Amino acid sequence: MAKRLRSSREGERVQTALPGSLGEALDEIGFQPLGRRIIVGRQTEQTERHPRISTDWAVPAIEFFRFTLPRAANGDWEHLSIAAHEVACQAMAMLSQASIVDGGSRPISNPALPATLPRWDDIATAVVWEAGQSAQLRYRRRGRAVLGKRSSAVPRANIRAAYGCPPAYLGAEAFPAFRSLGLVSDRSWTAAAETILWRDSPYEAGMNFSKDKRFIEALCDAISCIPEDITAKIKDIAEMPASEAAGLVDFTKRYADWDATRDEALVFLQDRSRRLLSDLFAKRWRLGDGWLSADESRRALFFELDPLSIQMSVDFGRIVIPRKLGFEVED
């Protein structure tokens, strides 16, 4: 399952610095791109897929996070550098139940729901991630009677497959949150759950959402309707490698004891650009709404490892970044 480990990028999109490489040397001394300016810290079938969910989901979600988040000796919730817990701590803060502290979040006395709630889709995703991390949600492949190897210790699926979502076991503690968020109904996944599970991308489901019409349409919209402030950020991201390569070469010679070449510097900075673009999508873009305004983004959680957002940033960057640099590309 996705996002069960320490917050680090996965797969070919973002790579860990290789031993002895320029990236490793720069990471060790805490290097950041010199001119970095980007700081990223939307009853019919249509209604079913994008439901107007009652705010009754807030309290069950809070109670679920309270049940699953690890507690420190001082009573704080700890994220343990696990992405699902990190997002859950973030959600508790945005739901006015806690304040962010180093290593997690601290419960506040006399908590009350905020006047403006976080995005439903983000809280739903955070609940799905946290349920997976705490073994309250376990997917299985179609046609399998149990999860994984046949064993009496492995729970049988109690959620039926539907809308591209695989069969799954859902723990009793998770049912209230999943029901109130509109993700399950009558022991089956709902249509609204499909794109939420895209953001978990369980391998058991084989969710190839990048070929889905909705994903492709959203990509076209993201390219054709870029707000001015986002355009400025993308321009900075696109131009950073070429504009900072010479400075990075000089920096490594003076501080990293590394005789880096311009090509090595470009590779390093291009990787940083991809990370910045991915972070921008994680905070300022959502499948249902496209680009979020600065005000709208304040209701959004930051999901560093959201496979849907990462894939969108990769496909977007492949088309848009060359154009920003003045090159012609084939669509």
C-alpha atoms as a PDB file:
ATOM      1  CA  MET A   1       0.000   0.000   0.000  1.00  0.00           C
ATOM      2  CA  ALA A   2       1.078   3.533  -0.605  1.00  0.00           C
ATOM      3  CA  LYS A   3       2.333   6.058   1.922  1.00  0.00           C
ATOM      4  CA  ARG A   4       2.938   3.756   4.836  1.00  0.00           C
ATOM      5  CA  LEU A   5       6.570   4.717   5.329  1.00  0.00           C
ATOM      6  CA  ARG A   6       8.643   7.795   6.043  1.00  0.00           C
ATOM      7  CA  SER A   7       7.767  10.842   3.934  1.00  0.00           C
ATOM      8  CA  SER A   8       9.958  10.348   0.881  1.00  0.00           C
ATOM      9  CA  ARG A   9       9.152  10.303  -2.800  1.00  0.00           C
ATOM     10  CA  GLU A  10       8.666   7.000  -4.562  1.00  0.00           C
ATOM     11  CA  GLY A  11       9.502   5.434  -7.899  1.00  0.00           C
ATOM     12  CA  GLU A  12      11.037   7.069 -10.884  1.00  0.00           C
ATOM     13  CA  ARG A  13       9.505  10.455 -10.353  1.00  0.00           C
ATOM     14  CA  VAL A  14      11.820  11.424  -7.520  1.00  0.00           C
ATOM     15  CA  GLN A  15      14.989   9.512  -6.678  1.00  0.00           C
ATOM     16  CA  THR A  16      17.045   9.360  -3.519  1.00  0.00           C
ATOM     17  CA  ALA A  17      20.545  10.746  -3.968  1.00  0.00           C
ATOM     18  CA  LEU A  18      23.035   7.986  -4.828  1.00  0.00           C
ATOM     19  CA  PRO A  19      26.053   7.375  -2.558  1.00  0.00           C
ATOM     20  CA  GLY A  20      28.942   9.581  -3.638  1.00  0.00           C
ATOM     21  CA  SER A  21      26.776  11.732  -5.881  1.00  0.00           C
ATOM     22  CA  LEU A  22      26.471  15.479  -5.958  1.00  0.00           C
ATOM     23  CA  GLY A  23      22.961  15.208  -4.543  1.00  0.00           C
ATOM     24  CA  GLU A  24      24.190  13.286  -1.499  1.00  0.00           C
ATOM     25  CA  ALA A  25      26.936  15.807  -0.803  1.00  0.00           C
ATOM     26  CA  LEU A  26      24.532  18.723  -1.058  1.00  0.00           C
ATOM     27  CA  ASP A  27      21.875  17.026   1.038  1.00  0.00           C
ATOM     28  CA  GLU A  28      24.441  16.448   3.785  1.00  0.00           C
ATOM     29  CA  ILE A  29      25.151  20.167   4.107  1.00  0.00           C
ATOM     30  CA  GLY A  30      21.485  21.137   3.825  1.00  0.00           C
ATOM     31  CA  PHE A  31      21.734  22.923   0.471  1.00  0.00           C
ATOM     32  CA  GLN A  32      18.649  24.616  -0.985  1.00  0.00           C
ATOM     33  CA  PRO A  33      18.548  26.198  -4.500  1.00  0.00           C
ATOM     34  CA  LEU A  34      19.986  29.683  -4.222  1.00  0.00           C
ATOM     35  CA  GLY A  35      17.096  31.566  -5.795  1.00  0.00           C
ATOM     36  CA  ARG A  36      14.274  29.382  -4.532  1.00  0.00           C
ATOM     37  CA  ARG A  37      11.185  31.524  -4.244  1.00  0.00           C
ATOM     38  CA  ILE A  38       8.416  28.937  -4.208  1.00  0.00           C
ATOM     39  CA  ILE A  39       6.891  28.274  -0.807  1.00  0.00           C
ATOM     40  CA  VAL A  40       4.002  25.900  -0.809  1.00  0.00           C
ATOM     41  CA  GLY A  41       3.494  25.903   3.190  1.00  0.00           C
ATOM     42  CA  ARG A  42     -12.305  21.984  -6.778  1.00  0.00           C
ATOM     43  CA  GLN A  43     -29.608  12.036  -6.634  1.00  0.00           C
ATOM     44  CA  THR A  44     -27.512  11.799 -10.032  1.00  0.00           C
ATOM     45  CA  GLU A  45     -24.339  10.117 -11.042  1.00  0.00           C
ATOM     46  CA  GLN A  46     -22.610  13.501 -11.018  1.00  0.00           C
ATOM     47  CA  THR A  47     -23.844  14.194  -7.494  1.00  0.00           C
ATOM     48  CA  GLU A  48     -22.683  10.772  -6.362  1.00  0.00           C
ATOM     49  CA  ARG A  49     -19.197  11.343  -7.720  1.00  0.00           C
ATOM     50  CA  HIS A  50     -18.898  14.850  -6.274  1.00  0.00           C
ATOM     51  CA  PRO A  51     -21.274  14.785  -3.311  1.00  0.00           C
ATOM     52  CA  ARG A  52     -22.270  17.740  -1.211  1.00  0.00           C
ATOM     53  CA  ILE A  53     -21.419  15.963   1.997  1.00  0.00           C
ATOM     54  CA  SER A  54     -22.898  17.207   5.283  1.00  0.00           C
ATOM     55  CA  THR A  55     -20.426  18.634   7.755  1.00  0.00           C
ATOM     56  CA  ASP A  56     -21.506  15.808  10.057  1.00  0.00           C
ATOM     57  CA  TRP A  57     -18.327  14.079   8.869  1.00  0.00           C
ATOM     58  CA  ALA A  58     -16.065  16.263  10.992  1.00  0.00           C
ATOM     59  CA  VAL A  59     -16.677  14.723  14.413  1.00  0.00           C
ATOM     60  CA  PRO A  60     -16.386  11.053  13.300  1.00  0.00           C
ATOM     61  CA  ALA A  61     -13.162  11.912  11.454  1.00  0.00           C
ATOM     62  CA  ILE A  62     -11.755  13.587  14.571  1.00  0.00           C
ATOM     63  CA  GLU A  63     -12.670  10.616  16.748  1.00  0.00           C
ATOM     64  CA  PHE A  64     -11.029   8.265  14.265  1.00  0.00           C
ATOM     65  CA  PHE A  65      -7.789  10.242  14.296  1.00  0.00           C
ATOM     66  CA  ARG A  66      -7.879  10.269  18.102  1.00  0.00           C
ATOM     67  CA  PHE A  67      -8.185   6.470  18.071  1.00  0.00           C
ATOM     68  CA  THR A  68      -5.399   5.776  15.561  1.00  0.00           C
ATOM     69  CA  LEU A  69      -2.695   8.422  16.102  1.00  0.00           C
ATOM     70  CA  PRO A  70       0.211   7.324  18.319  1.00  0.00           C
ATOM     71  CA  ARG A  71       0.454   9.162  21.643  1.00  0.00           C
ATOM     72  CA  ALA A  72       3.617  10.350  23.311  1.00  0.00           C
ATOM     73  CA  ALA A  73       4.159  10.207  27.049  1.00  0.00           C
ATOM     74  CA  ASN A  74       3.276  13.907  27.335  1.00  0.00           C
ATOM     75  CA  GLY A  75      -0.054  13.372  25.562  1.00  0.00           C
ATOM     76  CA  ASP A  76       0.978  14.762  22.191  1.00  0.00           C
ATOM     77  CA  TRP A  77       0.084  12.923  19.002  1.00  0.00           C
ATOM     78  CA  GLU A  78       3.217  11.692  17.242  1.00  0.00           C
ATOM     79  CA  HIS A  79       3.618  11.262  13.484  1.00  0.00           C
ATOM     80  CA  LEU A  80       6.811   9.153  13.764  1.00  0.00           C
ATOM     81  CA  SER A  81       7.861  10.525  10.338  1.00  0.00           C
ATOM     82  CA  ILE A  82       5.132   8.371   8.759  1.00  0.00           C
ATOM     83  CA  ALA A  83       3.237  10.185   6.003  1.00  0.00           C
ATOM     84  CA  ALA A  84      -0.237   8.986   7.035  1.00  0.00           C
ATOM     85  CA  HIS A  85       0.312  10.119  10.624  1.00  0.00           C
ATOM     86  CA  GLU A  86       1.801  13.421   9.455  1.00  0.00           C
ATOM     87  CA  VAL A  87      -1.323  14.188   7.431  1.00  0.00           C
ATOM     88  CA  ALA A  88      -3.584  13.109  10.319  1.00  0.00           C
ATOM     89  CA  CYS A  89      -1.762  15.480  12.680  1.00  0.00           C
ATOM     90  CA  GLN A  90      -2.152  18.224  10.094  1.00  0.00           C
ATOM     91  CA  ALA A  91      -5.874  17.422   9.803  1.00  0.00           C
ATOM     92  CA  MET A  92      -6.354  17.646  13.585  1.00  0.00           C
ATOM     93  CA  ALA A  93      -4.754  21.080  13.572  1.00  0.00           C
ATOM     94  CA  MET A  94      -6.953  22.290  10.703  1.00  0.00           C
ATOM     95  CA  LEU A  95      -9.997  20.924  12.524  1.00  0.00           C
ATOM     96  CA  SER A  96      -8.975  23.091  15.525  1.00  0.00           C
ATOM     97  CA  GLN A  97      -8.318  20.080  17.730  1.00  0.00           C
ATOM     98  CA  ALA A  98      -4.563  20.501  18.026  1.00  0.00           C
ATOM     99  CA  SER A  99      -1.590  22.707  17.301  1.00  0.00           C
ATOM    100  CA  ILE A 100       1.373  21.561  15.233  1.00  0.00           C
ATOM    101  CA  VAL A 101       4.518  20.860  17.235  1.00  0.00           C
ATOM    102  CA  ASP A 102       7.838  19.274  16.410  1.00  0.00           C
ATOM    103  CA  GLY A 103       7.198  15.596  15.756  1.00  0.00           C
ATOM    104  CA  GLY A 104       3.412  15.761  15.659  1.00  0.00           C
ATOM    105  CA  SER A 105       0.546  17.772  17.129  1.00  0.00           C
ATOM    106  CA  ARG A 106      -0.551  18.808  20.621  1.00  0.00           C
ATOM    107  CA  PRO A 107      -4.202  18.566  21.711  1.00  0.00           C
ATOM    108  CA  ILE A 108      -5.706  21.903  22.691  1.00  0.00           C
ATOM    109  CA  SER A 109      -7.942  22.424  25.680  1.00  0.00           C
ATOM    110  CA  ASN A 110     -11.644  22.997  25.049  1.00  0.00           C
ATOM    111  CA  PRO A 111     -11.461  22.320  21.282  1.00  0.00           C
ATOM    112  CA  ALA A 112     -14.271  23.469  18.985  1.00  0.00           C
ATOM    113  CA  LEU A 113     -14.801  23.026  15.283  1.00  0.00           C
ATOM    114  CA  PRO A 114     -13.516  25.915  13.143  1.00  0.00           C
ATOM    115  CA  ALA A 115     -15.957  28.242  11.365  1.00  0.00           C
ATOM    116  CA  THR A 116     -14.504  27.070   8.053  1.00  0.00           C
ATOM    117  CA  LEU A 117     -13.769  23.373   7.765  1.00  0.00           C
ATOM    118  CA  PRO A 118     -10.930  21.837   5.736  1.00  0.00           C
ATOM    119  CA  ARG A 119     -11.747  20.358   2.325  1.00  0.00           C
ATOM    120  CA  TRP A 120     -13.937  17.244   2.462  1.00  0.00           C
ATOM    121  CA  ASP A 121     -11.812  15.421  -0.116  1.00  0.00           C
ATOM    122  CA  ASP A 122      -8.624  16.088   1.843  1.00  0.00           C
ATOM    123  CA  ILE A 123     -10.071  14.900   5.150  1.00  0.00           C
ATOM    124  CA  ALA A 124     -11.481  11.812   3.378  1.00  0.00           C
ATOM    125  CA  THR A 125      -8.039  11.080   1.933  1.00  0.00           C
ATOM    126  CA  ALA A 126      -6.390  11.592   5.312  1.00  0.00           C
ATOM    127  CA  VAL A 127      -8.859   9.131   6.885  1.00  0.00           C
ATOM    128  CA  VAL A 128      -8.140   6.548   4.157  1.00  0.00           C
ATOM    129  CA  TRP A 129      -4.382   6.903   4.607  1.00  0.00           C
ATOM    130  CA  GLU A 130      -4.612   6.697   8.403  1.00  0.00           C
ATOM    131  CA  ALA A 131      -6.928   3.679   8.185  1.00  0.00           C
ATOM    132  CA  GLY A 132      -4.404   1.898   5.990  1.00  0.00           C
ATOM    133  CA  GLN A 133      -1.519   2.773   8.281  1.00  0.00           C
ATOM    134  CA  SER A 134      -3.377   1.504  11.357  1.00  0.00           C
ATOM    135  CA  ALA A 135      -4.566  -1.721   9.610  1.00  0.00           C
ATOM    136  CA  GLN A 136      -8.181  -0.535   9.886  1.00  0.00           C
ATOM    137  CA  LEU A 137      -8.331  -0.669   6.072  1.00  0.00           C
ATOM    138  CA  ARG A 138      -6.905  -3.590   4.149  1.00  0.00           C
ATOM    139  CA  TYR A 139      -7.549  -4.044   0.462  1.00  0.00           C
ATOM    140  CA  ARG A 140      -7.703  -7.371  -1.351  1.00  0.00           C
ATOM    141  CA  ARG A 141      -7.706  -8.373  -4.964  1.00  0.00           C
ATOM    142  CA  ARG A 142     -10.901  -9.378  -6.701  1.00  0.00           C
ATOM    143  CA  GLY A 143     -11.542 -13.108  -6.553  1.00  0.00           C
ATOM    144  CA  ARG A 144      -9.564 -13.566  -3.331  1.00  0.00           C
ATOM    145  CA  ALA A 145     -11.472 -14.845  -0.318  1.00  0.00           C
ATOM    146  CA  VAL A 146      -8.993 -13.266   2.090  1.00  0.00           C
ATOM    147  CA  LEU A 147      -6.222 -10.713   2.036  1.00  0.00           C
ATOM    148  CA  GLY A 148      -2.770 -11.920   1.105  1.00  0.00           C
ATOM    149  CA  LYS A 149      -1.917 -15.525   1.954  1.00  0.00           C
ATOM    150  CA  ARG A 150      -4.735 -17.692   3.203  1.00  0.00           C
ATOM    151  CA  SER A 151      -4.664 -17.518   6.971  1.00  0.00           C
ATOM    152  CA  SER A 152      -7.239 -17.550   9.740  1.00  0.00           C
ATOM    153  CA  ALA A 153      -5.433 -14.488  11.161  1.00  0.00           C
ATOM    154  CA  VAL A 154      -6.155 -12.396   8.084  1.00  0.00           C
ATOM    155  CA  PRO A 155      -9.574 -10.668   8.078  1.00  0.00           C
ATOM    156  CA  ARG A 156     -12.016 -11.357   5.298  1.00  0.00           C
ATOM    157  CA  ALA A 157     -13.247  -8.474   3.165  1.00  0.00           C
ATOM    158  CA  ASN A 158     -16.415  -6.798   4.446  1.00  0.00           C
ATOM    159  CA  ILE A 159     -16.603  -3.993   1.848  1.00  0.00           C
ATOM    160  CA  ARG A 160     -17.712  -5.024  -1.641  1.00  0.00           C
ATOM    161  CA  ALA A 161     -15.907  -3.874  -4.770  1.00  0.00           C
ATOM    162  CA  ALA A 162     -17.589  -1.041  -6.669  1.00  0.00           C
ATOM    163  CA  TYR A 163     -16.703   1.903  -8.943  1.00  0.00           C
ATOM    164  CA  GLY A 164     -13.224   0.580  -9.583  1.00  0.00           C
ATOM    165  CA  CYS A 165     -12.501   0.209  -5.856  1.00  0.00           C
ATOM    166  CA  PRO A 166     -11.350  -3.236  -4.716  1.00  0.00           C
ATOM    167  CA  PRO A 167     -12.901  -5.402  -1.995  1.00  0.00           C
ATOM    168  CA  ALA A 168     -11.571  -4.461   1.414  1.00  0.00           C
ATOM    169  CA  TYR A 169     -11.646  -5.166   5.104  1.00  0.00           C
ATOM    170  CA  LEU A 170     -12.718  -2.123   7.150  1.00  0.00           C
ATOM    171  CA  GLY A 171     -12.296  -2.204  10.911  1.00  0.00           C
ATOM    172  CA  ALA A 172     -15.189  -1.409  13.231  1.00  0.00           C
ATOM    173  CA  GLU A 173     -13.449   1.734  14.514  1.00  0.00           C
ATOM    174  CA  ALA A 174     -13.201   3.102  10.967  1.00  0.00           C
ATOM    175  CA  PHE A 175     -16.824   2.544   9.875  1.00  0.00           C
ATOM    176  CA  PRO A 176     -18.315   5.743  11.395  1.00  0.00           C
ATOM    177  CA  ALA A 177     -15.769   7.994   9.693  1.00  0.00           C
ATOM    178  CA  PHE A 178     -16.021   6.221   6.335  1.00  0.00           C
ATOM    179  CA  ARG A 179     -19.845   6.279   6.437  1.00  0.00           C
ATOM    180  CA  SER A 180     -20.104   9.919   7.465  1.00  0.00           C
ATOM    181  CA  LEU A 181     -17.669  10.930   4.741  1.00  0.00           C
ATOM    182  CA  GLY A 182     -19.805   9.103   2.167  1.00  0.00           C
ATOM    183  CA  LEU A 183     -17.092   6.625   1.197  1.00  0.00           C
ATOM    184  CA  VAL A 184     -19.038   3.452   2.025  1.00  0.00           C
ATOM    185  CA  SER A 185     -22.737   2.614   2.061  1.00  0.00           C
ATOM    186  CA  ASP A 186     -24.472  -0.716   2.630  1.00  0.00           C
ATOM    187  CA  ARG A 187     -21.089  -2.486   2.910  1.00  0.00           C
ATOM    188  CA  SER A 188     -19.952  -1.256  -0.488  1.00  0.00           C
ATOM    189  CA  TRP A 189     -17.769   1.524  -1.826  1.00  0.00           C
ATOM    190  CA  THR A 190     -19.643   4.567  -3.148  1.00  0.00           C
ATOM    191  CA  ALA A 191     -18.965   6.475  -6.352  1.00  0.00           C
ATOM    192  CA  ALA A 192     -17.518   9.312  -4.271  1.00  0.00           C
ATOM    193  CA  ALA A 193     -14.858   6.921  -2.936  1.00  0.00           C
ATOM    194  CA  GLU A 194     -13.334   6.204  -6.331  1.00  0.00           C
ATOM    195  CA  THR A 195     -11.263   9.344  -6.802  1.00  0.00           C
ATOM    196  CA  ILE A 196     -10.409   9.409  -3.088  1.00  0.00           C
ATOM    197  CA  LEU A 197      -8.886   5.955  -3.512  1.00  0.00           C
ATOM    198  CA  TRP A 198      -6.983   7.264  -6.519  1.00  0.00           C
ATOM    199  CA  ARG A 199      -5.091   9.247  -3.898  1.00  0.00           C
ATOM    200  CA  ASP A 200      -4.190   6.020  -2.112  1.00  0.00           C
ATOM    201  CA  SER A 201      -3.708   4.020  -5.326  1.00  0.00           C
ATOM    202  CA  PRO A 202      -3.919   0.502  -3.831  1.00  0.00           C
ATOM    203  CA  TYR A 203      -2.018  -1.946  -5.988  1.00  0.00           C
ATOM    204  CA  GLU A 204      -4.755  -4.532  -5.418  1.00  0.00           C
ATOM    205  CA  ALA A 205      -7.159  -2.392  -7.474  1.00  0.00           C
ATOM    206  CA  GLY A 206      -4.859  -1.685 -10.399  1.00  0.00           C
ATOM    207  CA  MET A 207      -6.225   1.862 -10.604  1.00  0.00           C
ATOM    208  CA  ASN A 208      -4.675   3.211 -13.795  1.00  0.00           C
ATOM    209  CA  PHE A 209      -6.241   6.618 -13.277  1.00  0.00           C
ATOM    210  CA  SER A 210      -3.806   8.396 -15.620  1.00  0.00           C
ATOM    211  CA  LYS A 211      -5.747   6.855 -18.535  1.00  0.00           C
ATOM    212  CA  ASP A 212      -9.134   7.826 -17.108  1.00  0.00           C
ATOM    213  CA  LYS A 213     -11.126  10.459 -19.003  1.00  0.00           C
ATOM    214  CA  ARG A 214     -11.543  12.526 -15.849  1.00  0.00           C
ATOM    215  CA  PHE A 215      -7.795  12.648 -15.260  1.00  0.00           C
ATOM    216  CA  ILE A 216      -7.072  13.580 -18.872  1.00  0.00           C
ATOM    217  CA  GLU A 217      -9.707  16.325 -18.829  1.00  0.00           C
ATOM    218  CA  ALA A 218      -8.306  17.669 -15.574  1.00  0.00           C
ATOM    219  CA  LEU A 219      -4.826  17.747 -17.102  1.00  0.00           C
ATOM    220  CA  CYS A 220      -6.104  19.739 -20.083  1.00  0.00           C
ATOM    221  CA  ASP A 221      -7.849  22.154 -17.719  1.00  0.00           C
ATOM    222  CA  ALA A 222      -4.730  22.558 -15.580  1.00  0.00           C
ATOM    223  CA  ILE A 223      -2.711  23.464 -18.681  1.00  0.00           C
ATOM    224  CA  SER A 224      -5.259  25.797 -20.262  1.00  0.00           C
ATOM    225  CA  CYS A 225      -6.444  27.641 -17.122  1.00  0.00           C
ATOM    226  CA  ILE A 226      -3.351  28.617 -15.122  1.00  0.00           C
ATOM    227  CA  PRO A 227      -3.895  31.566 -12.737  1.00  0.00           C
ATOM    228  CA  GLU A 228      -1.399  34.406 -12.904  1.00  0.00           C
ATOM    229  CA  ASP A 229       0.206  33.687  -9.536  1.00  0.00           C
ATOM    230  CA  ILE A 230       0.635  30.013 -10.450  1.00  0.00           C
ATOM    231  CA  THR A 231       2.131  31.010 -13.810  1.00  0.00           C
ATOM    232  CA  ALA A 232       4.764  33.079 -12.008  1.00  0.00           C
ATOM    233  CA  LYS A 233       5.656  30.158  -9.716  1.00  0.00           C
ATOM    234  CA  ILE A 234       5.896  27.731 -12.622  1.00  0.00           C
ATOM    235  CA  LYS A 235       8.143  30.161 -14.507  1.00  0.00           C
ATOM    236  CA  ASP A 236      10.495  30.279 -11.524  1.00  0.00           C
ATOM    237  CA  ILE A 237      10.504  26.493 -11.292  1.00  0.00           C
ATOM    238  CA  ALA A 238      11.164  26.072 -15.019  1.00  0.00           C
ATOM    239  CA  GLU A 239      14.020  28.558 -15.128  1.00  0.00           C
ATOM    240  CA  MET A 240      15.751  27.564 -11.887  1.00  0.00           C
ATOM    241  CA  PRO A 241      18.113  24.847 -13.241  1.00  0.00           C
ATOM    242  CA  ALA A 242      19.611  26.964 -16.014  1.00  0.00           C
ATOM    243  CA  SER A 243      19.762  30.156 -13.932  1.00  0.00           C
ATOM    244  CA  GLU A 244      21.364  28.581 -10.858  1.00  0.00           C
ATOM    245  CA  ALA A 245      23.704  25.959 -12.349  1.00  0.00           C
ATOM    246  CA  ALA A 246      26.785  28.187 -12.403  1.00  0.00           C
ATOM    247  CA  GLY A 247      26.178  29.378  -8.863  1.00  0.00           C
ATOM    248  CA  LEU A 248      25.750  25.812  -7.640  1.00  0.00           C
ATOM    249  CA  VAL A 249      29.055  24.730  -9.203  1.00  0.00           C
ATOM    250  CA  ASP A 250      30.798  27.549  -7.351  1.00  0.00           C
ATOM    251  CA  PHE A 251      28.927  26.730  -4.125  1.00  0.00           C
ATOM    252  CA  THR A 252      30.027  23.085  -4.160  1.00  0.00           C
ATOM    253  CA  LYS A 253      33.640  24.019  -4.683  1.00  0.00           C
ATOM    254  CA  ARG A 254      33.661  26.364  -1.704  1.00  0.00           C
ATOM    255  CA  TYR A 255      31.445  24.549   0.803  1.00  0.00           C
ATOM    256  CA  ALA A 256      30.927  20.925  -0.223  1.00  0.00           C
ATOM    257  CA  ASP A 257      34.507  20.019  -1.177  1.00  0.00           C
ATOM    258  CA  TRP A 258      33.080  18.701  -4.433  1.00  0.00           C
ATOM    259  CA  ASP A 259      34.316  19.589  -7.892  1.00  0.00           C
ATOM    260  CA  ALA A 260      30.892  19.460  -9.515  1.00  0.00           C
ATOM    261  CA  THR A 261      30.405  19.848 -13.245  1.00  0.00           C
ATOM    262  CA  ARG A 262      27.688  21.970 -14.808  1.00  0.00           C
ATOM    263  CA  ASP A 263      25.912  18.804 -16.026  1.00  0.00           C
ATOM    264  CA  GLU A 264      25.855  17.403 -12.473  1.00  0.00           C
ATOM    265  CA  ALA A 265      24.514  20.694 -11.180  1.00  0.00           C
ATOM    266  CA  LEU A 266      21.782  20.706 -13.829  1.00  0.00           C
ATOM    267  CA  VAL A 267      20.704  17.156 -12.953  1.00  0.00           C
ATOM    268  CA  PHE A 268      20.531  18.074  -9.269  1.00  0.00           C
ATOM    269  CA  LEU A 269      18.569  21.281  -9.906  1.00  0.00           C
ATOM    270  CA  GLN A 270      16.201  19.597 -12.365  1.00  0.00           C
ATOM    271  CA  ASP A 271      15.337  17.079  -9.635  1.00  0.00           C
ATOM    272  CA  ARG A 272      14.717  19.979  -7.249  1.00  0.00           C
ATOM    273  CA  SER A 273      12.453  21.587  -9.862  1.00  0.00           C
ATOM    274  CA  ARG A 274      10.379  18.428 -10.138  1.00  0.00           C
ATOM    275  CA  ARG A 275       9.983  18.376  -6.354  1.00  0.00           C
ATOM    276  CA  LEU A 276       8.910  22.020  -6.302  1.00  0.00           C
ATOM    277  CA  LEU A 277       6.346  21.430  -9.034  1.00  0.00           C
ATOM    278  CA  SER A 278       5.017  18.379  -7.195  1.00  0.00           C
ATOM    279  CA  ASP A 279       4.724  20.423  -3.988  1.00  0.00           C
ATOM    280  CA  LEU A 280       2.884  23.162  -5.866  1.00  0.00           C
ATOM    281  CA  PHE A 281       0.294  20.655  -7.121  1.00  0.00           C
ATOM    282  CA  ALA A 282       0.000  19.095  -3.661  1.00  0.00           C
ATOM    283  CA  LYS A 283      -1.112  22.390  -2.184  1.00  0.00           C
ATOM    284  CA  ARG A 284      -2.722  24.355  -5.017  1.00  0.00           C
ATOM    285  CA  TRP A 285      -4.456  21.757  -7.252  1.00  0.00           C
ATOM    286  CA  ARG A 286      -7.311  19.294  -6.752  1.00  0.00           C
ATOM    287  CA  LEU A 287      -8.987  16.976  -9.256  1.00  0.00           C
ATOM    288  CA  GLY A 288     -12.513  18.300  -8.724  1.00  0.00           C
ATOM    289  CA  ASP A 289     -11.654  21.995  -8.717  1.00  0.00           C
ATOM    290  CA  GLY A 290      -8.461  22.435 -10.695  1.00  0.00           C
ATOM    291  CA  TRP A 291      -6.184  25.237  -9.531  1.00  0.00           C
ATOM    292  CA  LEU A 292      -7.131  26.574  -6.118  1.00  0.00           C
ATOM    293  CA  SER A 293      -6.957  30.252  -5.272  1.00  0.00           C
ATOM    294  CA  ALA A 294      -4.669  31.290  -2.449  1.00  0.00           C
ATOM    295  CA  ASP A 295      -7.713  31.595  -0.168  1.00  0.00           C
ATOM    296  CA  GLU A 296      -9.094  28.209  -1.211  1.00  0.00           C
ATOM    297  CA  SER A 297      -5.727  26.565  -0.636  1.00  0.00           C
ATOM    298  CA  ARG A 298      -5.867  27.523   3.047  1.00  0.00           C
ATOM    299  CA  ARG A 299      -8.533  24.817   3.461  1.00  0.00           C
ATOM    300  CA  ALA A 300      -6.301  22.226   1.792  1.00  0.00           C
ATOM    301  CA  LEU A 301      -4.026  19.751   3.523  1.00  0.00           C
ATOM    302  CA  PHE A 302      -0.535  19.140   2.184  1.00  0.00           C
ATOM    303  CA  PHE A 303      -0.111  15.581   0.852  1.00  0.00           C
ATOM    304  CA  GLU A 304       3.499  15.111  -0.162  1.00  0.00           C
ATOM    305  CA  LEU A 305       2.978  11.542  -1.355  1.00  0.00           C
ATOM    306  CA  ASP A 306      -0.427  11.822  -3.063  1.00  0.00           C
ATOM    307  CA  PRO A 307      -0.014   9.589  -6.156  1.00  0.00           C
ATOM    308  CA  LEU A 308      -2.783  11.434  -8.015  1.00  0.00           C
ATOM    309  CA  SER A 309      -1.205  14.841  -7.462  1.00  0.00           C
ATOM    310  CA  ILE A 310       2.297  13.546  -8.240  1.00  0.00           C
ATOM    311  CA  GLN A 311       1.166  11.962 -11.523  1.00  0.00           C
ATOM    312  CA  MET A 312      -0.634  15.161 -12.521  1.00  0.00           C
ATOM    313  CA  SER A 313       2.473  17.233 -11.804  1.00  0.00           C
ATOM    314  CA  VAL A 314       4.624  14.857 -13.877  1.00  0.00           C
ATOM    315  CA  ASP A 315       2.291  14.943 -16.900  1.00  0.00           C
ATOM    316  CA  PHE A 316       1.769  18.691 -16.559  1.00  0.00           C
ATOM    317  CA  GLY A 317       5.501  19.379 -16.281  1.00  0.00           C
ATOM    318  CA  ARG A 318       6.326  17.234 -19.299  1.00  0.00           C
ATOM    319  CA  ILE A 319       4.123  19.485 -21.438  1.00  0.00           C
ATOM    320  CA  VAL A 320       4.289  22.901 -19.797  1.00  0.00           C
ATOM    321  CA  ILE A 321       7.897  23.259 -18.615  1.00  0.00           C
ATOM    322  CA  PRO A 322       9.450  22.962 -22.121  1.00  0.00           C
ATOM    323  CA  ARG A 323       6.983  25.603 -23.331  1.00  0.00           C
ATOM    324  CA  LYS A 324       7.995  27.926 -20.510  1.00  0.00           C
ATOM    325  CA  LEU A 325      11.595  27.547 -21.667  1.00  0.00           C
ATOM    326  CA  GLY A 326      10.659  28.362 -25.255  1.00  0.00           C
ATOM    327  CA  PHE A 327      10.854  24.868 -26.755  1.00  0.00           C
ATOM    328  CA  GLU A 328       8.214  23.295 -28.953  1.00  0.00           C
ATOM    329  CA  VAL A 329       6.876  19.953 -27.740  1.00  0.00           C
ATOM    330  CA  GLU A 330       4.479  17.425 -29.157  1.00  0.00           C
ATOM    331  CA  ASP A 331       1.259  16.908 -27.173  1.00  0.00           C
END
